[in-house]
Amino acid sequence: MKTLFVNGTLMRGFVLHGNLEGAQYLGSFRTEPRYRVFSIGDVHPGMYEVDQGGVTVDGELYALSDETWARVEAGEPPHLYCGPVRLEDGRVVDGILYPKEKIRPEHVDISPFNGWRGYMASKSRTR
């Protein structure tokens, strides 16, 4: 079993959540304040670790089988990868990250929203 922190479209209520079918939801969690998050074309978030100026990112933790992980990995958008994520409770778990060098000027910094759910909620309030 793999433990995976998700902070974007794999979370409950979002488009790729079905890829986690069969995974066990372990709850809502937050990262340590050491990440920045960008909206990649308003399709998915891109989170990466920083040495300074980081925020806590809201997400969900799941326990999943290798089979479920294979489905998750196959369904991820380009450039996202699995890497270590530091949770607020001190644990280091696998998470979905985005290469900092792939951030472009048109990608919106959504760090002030503490992640994808907060950012998407803000967009629906402004419509």
Protein backbone atom coordinates (compact mmCIF):
# COMPACT_ATOMS: atom_id res chain seq x y z
CA MET A 1 0.00 0.00 0.00
CA LYS A 2 1.13 3.51 -0.84
CA THR A 3 0.10 6.63 1.07
CA LEU A 4 -0.53 9.56 -1.27
CA PHE A 5 -1.22 13.25 -0.57
CA VAL A 6 -3.32 14.83 -3.32
CA ASN A 7 -3.95 18.55 -3.66
CA GLY A 8 -5.76 19.02 -6.94
CA THR A 9 -8.08 17.32 -9.38
CA LEU A 10 -7.77 13.95 -7.58
CA MET A 11 -9.53 15.35 -4.50
CA ARG A 12 -13.16 14.59 -3.73
CA GLY A 13 -15.52 16.57 -5.96
CA PHE A 14 -13.01 17.11 -8.77
CA VAL A 15 -12.67 15.63 -12.23
CA LEU A 16 -9.98 12.96 -11.64
CA HIS A 17 -11.24 11.72 -8.26
CA GLY A 18 -12.59 8.57 -9.95
CA ASN A 19 -8.99 7.50 -10.59
CA LEU A 20 -8.75 6.90 -6.81
CA GLU A 21 -11.56 4.33 -6.86
CA GLY A 22 -10.64 1.59 -4.38
CA ALA A 23 -8.32 3.85 -2.37
CA GLN A 24 -8.98 4.45 1.32
CA TYR A 25 -9.60 8.10 2.25
CA LEU A 26 -7.53 8.91 5.35
CA GLY A 27 -8.72 12.49 5.81
CA SER A 28 -7.97 16.11 5.04
CA PHE A 29 -4.40 17.19 5.74
CA ARG A 30 -2.15 20.20 5.25
CA THR A 31 1.46 20.44 4.26
CA GLU A 32 4.17 22.24 6.18
CA PRO A 33 4.44 25.88 5.01
CA ARG A 34 7.10 25.15 2.40
CA TYR A 35 5.25 25.01 -0.92
CA ARG A 36 4.05 27.28 -3.72
CA VAL A 37 1.09 26.35 -5.91
CA PHE A 38 0.27 27.58 -9.39
CA SER A 39 -2.79 27.08 -11.58
CA ILE A 40 -1.67 25.40 -14.77
CA GLY A 41 -4.16 26.83 -17.25
CA ASP A 42 -6.98 26.43 -14.70
CA VAL A 43 -6.85 22.69 -15.52
CA HIS A 44 -4.82 21.49 -12.52
CA PRO A 45 -2.46 22.82 -9.84
CA GLY A 46 1.30 22.60 -9.89
CA MET A 47 2.87 22.43 -6.41
CA TYR A 48 6.58 22.55 -5.65
CA GLU A 49 8.75 22.94 -2.56
CA VAL A 50 10.57 26.20 -1.79
CA ASP A 51 13.20 27.24 0.75
CA GLN A 52 11.46 30.57 1.56
CA GLY A 53 8.02 32.07 1.11
CA GLY A 54 6.11 28.82 1.25
CA VAL A 55 2.53 28.28 2.34
CA THR A 56 0.61 25.37 3.77
CA VAL A 57 -1.36 23.53 1.10
CA ASP A 58 -4.69 21.85 1.81
CA GLY A 59 -5.22 18.35 0.48
CA GLU A 60 -6.36 14.81 1.13
CA LEU A 61 -4.48 11.68 2.10
CA TYR A 62 -5.24 8.25 0.66
CA ALA A 63 -3.95 4.70 1.09
CA LEU A 64 -3.91 2.95 -2.25
CA SER A 65 -2.83 -0.29 -3.85
CA ASP A 66 -0.22 -0.54 -6.59
CA GLU A 67 -3.07 -1.13 -9.05
CA THR A 68 -4.83 2.08 -8.03
CA TRP A 69 -1.53 3.98 -8.10
CA ALA A 70 -0.94 2.78 -11.68
CA ARG A 71 -4.37 4.16 -12.68
CA VAL A 72 -3.66 7.48 -10.90
CA GLU A 73 -0.25 7.82 -12.50
CA ALA A 74 -1.57 7.01 -15.99
CA GLY A 75 -4.28 9.68 -15.65
CA GLU A 76 -2.10 12.54 -14.44
CA PRO A 77 -1.60 15.59 -16.68
CA PRO A 78 1.84 16.21 -18.24
CA HIS A 79 4.84 17.00 -16.03
CA LEU A 80 3.21 16.02 -12.71
CA TYR A 81 5.24 13.47 -10.77
CA CYS A 82 5.31 11.64 -7.45
CA GLY A 83 7.67 13.08 -4.85
CA PRO A 84 8.05 13.63 -1.10
CA VAL A 85 5.61 15.99 0.60
CA ARG A 86 6.04 17.18 4.18
CA LEU A 87 2.78 17.24 6.13
CA GLU A 88 1.97 19.63 8.96
CA ASP A 89 2.03 16.68 11.41
CA GLY A 90 5.70 15.98 10.58
CA ARG A 91 5.21 12.98 8.31
CA VAL A 92 6.77 12.80 4.88
CA VAL A 93 4.52 11.04 2.36
CA ASP A 94 4.30 10.70 -1.38
CA GLY A 95 2.51 13.52 -3.14
CA ILE A 96 1.85 14.92 -6.59
CA LEU A 97 4.36 17.65 -7.48
CA TYR A 98 5.14 19.86 -10.47
CA PRO A 99 8.62 20.90 -11.66
CA LYS A 100 9.31 24.52 -10.70
CA GLU A 101 11.16 25.06 -13.98
CA LYS A 102 7.93 24.30 -15.91
CA ILE A 103 6.10 27.28 -14.36
CA ARG A 104 5.39 29.88 -17.05
CA PRO A 105 4.36 33.56 -16.80
CA GLU A 106 0.78 32.67 -17.76
CA HIS A 107 0.46 30.26 -14.80
CA VAL A 108 -1.36 31.94 -11.91
CA ASP A 109 0.16 31.81 -8.40
CA ILE A 110 -2.66 30.41 -6.28
CA SER A 111 -0.57 30.00 -3.13
CA PRO A 112 -2.63 32.63 -1.22
CA PHE A 113 -5.64 30.27 -1.55
CA ASN A 114 -3.71 27.41 0.13
CA GLY A 115 -4.37 25.17 -2.83
CA TRP A 116 -6.72 24.11 -5.56
CA ARG A 117 -9.96 23.80 -3.57
CA GLY A 118 -9.63 27.33 -2.17
CA TYR A 119 -8.71 28.74 -5.57
CA MET A 120 -11.61 27.03 -7.35
CA ALA A 121 -14.03 28.19 -4.62
CA SER A 122 -12.83 31.77 -5.12
CA LYS A 123 -13.48 31.53 -8.86
CA SER A 124 -17.04 30.32 -8.33
CA ARG A 125 -17.71 33.22 -5.90
CA THR A 126 -16.62 35.79 -8.51
CA ARG A 127 -18.93 34.54 -11.27
